[in-house]
Amino acid sequence: MTRKVSRECYVWYKGNRYFFPWKYAERECTVKEDNGKILITVDSEIVDHDIPPGSSRISRKKDHFEGLLKAIRSENMEQYQQIVEKRDLKKYEEVA
């Protein structure tokens, strides 16, 4: 079955949310159940989660966040980096 990885990197399946690596946010994925696990696939990346009992549960794996902070910092540096005009200081000496 086809699903979409949310902007927040979750895949909804049978009332639960399963985290998928952040770099695949907003991409199409396939979801399959196999022996009490859920298998989520995007391209060649396959992530498995145990299916928790009940609903409204969240399943995450710490390694799915790997590299996220570095990517956010890089993006922010590019976006908010000030561009400062470089001038020859001799122009200011001539005025004085």
N, C-alpha and C. Protein backbone atom coordinates (compact mmCIF):
# COMPACT_ATOMS: atom_id res chain seq x y z
N MET A 1 0.84 -1.16 0.00
CA MET A 1 0.00 0.00 0.00
C MET A 1 0.90 1.23 0.00
N THR A 2 0.46 2.27 -0.69
CA THR A 2 1.24 3.49 -0.82
C THR A 2 0.77 4.54 0.18
N ARG A 3 1.73 5.21 0.77
CA ARG A 3 1.47 6.30 1.71
C ARG A 3 2.44 7.43 1.39
N LYS A 4 2.26 8.54 2.10
CA LYS A 4 3.18 9.66 1.95
C LYS A 4 3.82 9.92 3.30
N VAL A 5 5.16 10.08 3.31
CA VAL A 5 5.86 10.45 4.52
C VAL A 5 5.51 11.92 4.79
N SER A 6 5.02 12.21 5.98
CA SER A 6 4.58 13.57 6.28
C SER A 6 5.76 14.53 6.36
N ARG A 7 5.45 15.80 6.40
CA ARG A 7 6.46 16.84 6.52
C ARG A 7 7.26 16.65 7.82
N GLU A 8 6.59 16.11 8.83
CA GLU A 8 7.23 15.85 10.12
C GLU A 8 7.92 14.48 10.16
N CYS A 9 7.95 13.79 9.04
CA CYS A 9 8.64 12.51 8.86
C CYS A 9 7.91 11.31 9.44
N TYR A 10 6.61 11.38 9.57
CA TYR A 10 5.84 10.25 10.07
C TYR A 10 5.04 9.61 8.94
N VAL A 11 4.87 8.31 9.06
CA VAL A 11 3.99 7.55 8.19
C VAL A 11 2.86 7.02 9.08
N TRP A 12 1.63 7.35 8.71
CA TRP A 12 0.46 6.89 9.46
C TRP A 12 0.05 5.52 8.92
N TYR A 13 -0.22 4.60 9.85
CA TYR A 13 -0.67 3.27 9.45
C TYR A 13 -1.48 2.66 10.59
N LYS A 14 -2.72 2.34 10.32
CA LYS A 14 -3.64 1.72 11.27
C LYS A 14 -3.66 2.45 12.62
N GLY A 15 -3.76 3.76 12.57
CA GLY A 15 -3.92 4.57 13.78
C GLY A 15 -2.64 4.88 14.53
N ASN A 16 -1.51 4.42 14.05
CA ASN A 16 -0.23 4.71 14.68
C ASN A 16 0.66 5.50 13.74
N ARG A 17 1.66 6.16 14.32
CA ARG A 17 2.62 6.92 13.52
C ARG A 17 4.00 6.27 13.66
N TYR A 18 4.67 6.15 12.53
CA TYR A 18 5.99 5.54 12.48
C TYR A 18 6.95 6.55 11.86
N PHE A 19 8.04 6.83 12.57
CA PHE A 19 9.01 7.81 12.09
C PHE A 19 9.88 7.20 11.00
N PHE A 20 10.17 8.01 9.99
CA PHE A 20 11.02 7.61 8.88
C PHE A 20 12.15 8.62 8.80
N PRO A 21 13.35 8.28 8.33
CA PRO A 21 14.45 9.23 8.29
C PRO A 21 14.05 10.57 7.66
N TRP A 22 14.49 11.64 8.28
CA TRP A 22 14.08 13.01 7.94
C TRP A 22 14.32 13.38 6.49
N LYS A 23 15.34 12.82 5.87
CA LYS A 23 15.66 13.23 4.49
C LYS A 23 14.61 12.75 3.47
N TYR A 24 13.67 11.91 3.92
CA TYR A 24 12.62 11.41 3.02
C TYR A 24 11.28 12.07 3.26
N ALA A 25 11.26 13.18 3.99
CA ALA A 25 10.00 13.87 4.28
C ALA A 25 9.28 14.24 2.99
N GLU A 26 7.97 14.09 3.01
CA GLU A 26 7.07 14.42 1.91
C GLU A 26 7.30 13.59 0.65
N ARG A 27 7.82 12.39 0.81
CA ARG A 27 8.01 11.47 -0.32
C ARG A 27 7.01 10.34 -0.24
N GLU A 28 6.74 9.73 -1.37
CA GLU A 28 5.86 8.56 -1.42
C GLU A 28 6.61 7.34 -0.89
N CYS A 29 5.91 6.48 -0.18
CA CYS A 29 6.52 5.26 0.34
C CYS A 29 5.55 4.10 0.20
N THR A 30 6.08 2.89 0.34
CA THR A 30 5.22 1.72 0.39
C THR A 30 5.27 1.14 1.79
N VAL A 31 4.13 0.62 2.24
CA VAL A 31 4.01 0.08 3.59
C VAL A 31 3.51 -1.36 3.49
N LYS A 32 4.20 -2.26 4.21
CA LYS A 32 3.78 -3.67 4.27
C LYS A 32 3.89 -4.14 5.71
N GLU A 33 3.03 -5.08 6.08
CA GLU A 33 3.13 -5.75 7.37
C GLU A 33 3.78 -7.10 7.15
N ASP A 34 4.68 -7.47 8.10
CA ASP A 34 5.35 -8.76 7.99
C ASP A 34 5.73 -9.24 9.38
N ASN A 35 5.10 -10.31 9.85
CA ASN A 35 5.41 -10.93 11.15
C ASN A 35 5.45 -9.94 12.32
N GLY A 36 4.41 -9.14 12.47
CA GLY A 36 4.33 -8.21 13.60
C GLY A 36 5.16 -6.96 13.45
N LYS A 37 5.68 -6.76 12.26
CA LYS A 37 6.47 -5.55 11.97
C LYS A 37 5.84 -4.82 10.80
N ILE A 38 6.16 -3.54 10.71
CA ILE A 38 5.75 -2.74 9.56
C ILE A 38 7.02 -2.41 8.79
N LEU A 39 7.00 -2.61 7.49
CA LEU A 39 8.14 -2.31 6.63
C LEU A 39 7.78 -1.12 5.76
N ILE A 40 8.54 -0.05 5.89
CA ILE A 40 8.30 1.18 5.12
C ILE A 40 9.48 1.35 4.17
N THR A 41 9.17 1.57 2.89
CA THR A 41 10.22 1.66 1.87
C THR A 41 10.09 2.92 1.04
N VAL A 42 11.21 3.65 0.90
CA VAL A 42 11.32 4.76 -0.04
C VAL A 42 12.61 4.50 -0.81
N ASP A 43 12.50 4.47 -2.13
CA ASP A 43 13.64 4.11 -2.98
C ASP A 43 14.22 2.79 -2.46
N SER A 44 15.48 2.77 -2.07
CA SER A 44 16.09 1.53 -1.57
C SER A 44 16.18 1.52 -0.04
N GLU A 45 15.73 2.57 0.61
CA GLU A 45 15.76 2.66 2.08
C GLU A 45 14.55 1.91 2.65
N ILE A 46 14.82 0.93 3.50
CA ILE A 46 13.76 0.16 4.15
C ILE A 46 13.91 0.32 5.66
N VAL A 47 12.81 0.69 6.31
CA VAL A 47 12.80 0.84 7.76
C VAL A 47 11.73 -0.09 8.31
N ASP A 48 12.10 -0.82 9.37
CA ASP A 48 11.11 -1.68 10.01
C ASP A 48 10.85 -1.19 11.43
N HIS A 49 9.62 -1.28 11.85
CA HIS A 49 9.20 -0.93 13.20
C HIS A 49 8.34 -2.08 13.72
N ASP A 50 8.45 -2.33 15.03
CA ASP A 50 7.51 -3.25 15.66
C ASP A 50 6.16 -2.55 15.70
N ILE A 51 5.09 -3.29 15.49
CA ILE A 51 3.75 -2.71 15.55
C ILE A 51 3.32 -2.69 17.02
N PRO A 52 3.13 -1.48 17.57
CA PRO A 52 2.74 -1.41 18.98
C PRO A 52 1.28 -1.82 19.17
N PRO A 53 0.94 -2.31 20.37
CA PRO A 53 -0.47 -2.66 20.62
C PRO A 53 -1.32 -1.39 20.73
N GLY A 54 -2.56 -1.48 20.31
CA GLY A 54 -3.46 -0.33 20.40
C GLY A 54 -3.28 0.65 19.26
N SER A 55 -3.74 1.86 19.50
CA SER A 55 -3.62 2.89 18.47
C SER A 55 -3.16 4.19 19.12
N SER A 56 -2.92 5.19 18.29
CA SER A 56 -2.41 6.50 18.71
C SER A 56 -1.02 6.39 19.32
N ARG A 57 -0.25 5.42 18.88
CA ARG A 57 1.12 5.24 19.36
C ARG A 57 2.09 5.82 18.35
N ILE A 58 3.29 6.15 18.83
CA ILE A 58 4.35 6.67 17.98
C ILE A 58 5.57 5.76 18.13
N SER A 59 6.14 5.37 17.00
CA SER A 59 7.34 4.54 17.01
C SER A 59 8.46 5.32 16.33
N ARG A 60 9.56 5.52 17.06
CA ARG A 60 10.72 6.26 16.54
C ARG A 60 11.98 5.44 16.76
N LYS A 61 12.97 5.76 15.94
CA LYS A 61 14.30 5.19 16.12
C LYS A 61 15.29 6.35 16.12
N LYS A 62 16.16 6.37 17.11
CA LYS A 62 17.08 7.49 17.30
C LYS A 62 17.94 7.78 16.07
N ASP A 63 18.38 6.74 15.38
CA ASP A 63 19.27 6.94 14.23
C ASP A 63 18.59 7.64 13.05
N HIS A 64 17.27 7.73 13.05
CA HIS A 64 16.57 8.43 11.97
C HIS A 64 16.77 9.94 12.03
N PHE A 65 17.22 10.44 13.18
CA PHE A 65 17.46 11.87 13.35
C PHE A 65 18.90 12.24 13.00
N GLU A 66 19.72 11.25 12.71
CA GLU A 66 21.14 11.47 12.45
C GLU A 66 21.34 12.44 11.28
N GLY A 67 22.14 13.46 11.50
CA GLY A 67 22.45 14.45 10.47
C GLY A 67 21.45 15.58 10.35
N LEU A 68 20.34 15.50 11.07
CA LEU A 68 19.29 16.52 10.96
C LEU A 68 19.77 17.87 11.48
N LEU A 69 20.38 17.91 12.65
CA LEU A 69 20.83 19.17 13.24
C LEU A 69 21.85 19.85 12.35
N LYS A 70 22.77 19.08 11.80
CA LYS A 70 23.79 19.64 10.91
C LYS A 70 23.15 20.23 9.65
N ALA A 71 22.18 19.55 9.10
CA ALA A 71 21.48 20.04 7.90
C ALA A 71 20.71 21.33 8.20
N ILE A 72 20.07 21.39 9.37
CA ILE A 72 19.33 22.60 9.74
C ILE A 72 20.29 23.77 9.91
N ARG A 73 21.42 23.52 10.58
CA ARG A 73 22.41 24.59 10.76
C ARG A 73 22.91 25.11 9.42
N SER A 74 23.23 24.21 8.51
CA SER A 74 23.73 24.61 7.19
C SER A 74 22.70 25.44 6.44
N GLU A 75 21.46 24.99 6.50
CA GLU A 75 20.38 25.71 5.82
C GLU A 75 20.21 27.11 6.42
N ASN A 76 20.25 27.20 7.74
CA ASN A 76 20.10 28.49 8.39
C ASN A 76 21.27 29.42 8.09
N MET A 77 22.47 28.88 8.04
CA MET A 77 23.65 29.69 7.72
C MET A 77 23.53 30.29 6.32
N GLU A 78 23.08 29.49 5.38
CA GLU A 78 22.91 29.98 4.01
C GLU A 78 21.82 31.03 3.93
N GLN A 79 20.73 30.78 4.63
CA GLN A 79 19.57 31.65 4.54
C GLN A 79 19.78 32.98 5.26
N TYR A 80 20.46 32.96 6.40
CA TYR A 80 20.55 34.16 7.22
C TYR A 80 21.92 34.81 7.23
N GLN A 81 22.80 34.31 6.43
CA GLN A 81 24.14 34.88 6.37
C GLN A 81 24.06 36.29 5.79
N GLN A 82 24.65 37.24 6.51
CA GLN A 82 24.61 38.62 6.03
C GLN A 82 25.67 38.81 4.94
N ILE A 83 25.28 39.57 3.96
CA ILE A 83 26.21 39.90 2.90
C ILE A 83 26.73 41.31 3.19
N VAL A 84 28.02 41.40 3.42
CA VAL A 84 28.63 42.68 3.77
C VAL A 84 29.45 43.16 2.58
N GLU A 85 29.19 44.39 2.21
CA GLU A 85 29.93 44.97 1.09
C GLU A 85 31.36 45.25 1.53
N LYS A 86 32.31 44.87 0.72
CA LYS A 86 33.72 45.13 1.02
C LYS A 86 34.15 46.35 0.22
N ARG A 87 34.70 47.32 0.94
CA ARG A 87 35.17 48.55 0.29
C ARG A 87 36.64 48.78 0.63
N ASP A 88 37.28 49.49 -0.24
CA ASP A 88 38.66 49.88 0.00
C ASP A 88 38.65 51.01 1.03
N LEU A 89 39.42 50.89 2.10
CA LEU A 89 39.42 51.86 3.18
C LEU A 89 40.05 53.20 2.76
N LYS A 90 40.75 53.23 1.65
CA LYS A 90 41.35 54.47 1.16
C LYS A 90 40.28 55.52 0.87
N LYS A 91 39.07 55.10 0.51
CA LYS A 91 37.97 56.03 0.24
C LYS A 91 37.64 56.84 1.48
N TYR A 92 37.73 56.23 2.64
CA TYR A 92 37.40 56.92 3.88
C TYR A 92 38.55 57.86 4.30
N GLU A 93 39.78 57.51 3.97
CA GLU A 93 40.91 58.36 4.30
C GLU A 93 40.90 59.66 3.48
N GLU A 94 40.40 59.57 2.23
CA GLU A 94 40.33 60.74 1.35
C GLU A 94 39.31 61.75 1.86
N VAL A 95 38.23 61.31 2.46
CA VAL A 95 37.16 62.19 2.93
C VAL A 95 37.64 62.98 4.15
N ALA A 96 38.41 62.40 5.00
CA ALA A 96 38.84 63.05 6.26
C ALA A 96 39.87 64.07 6.04
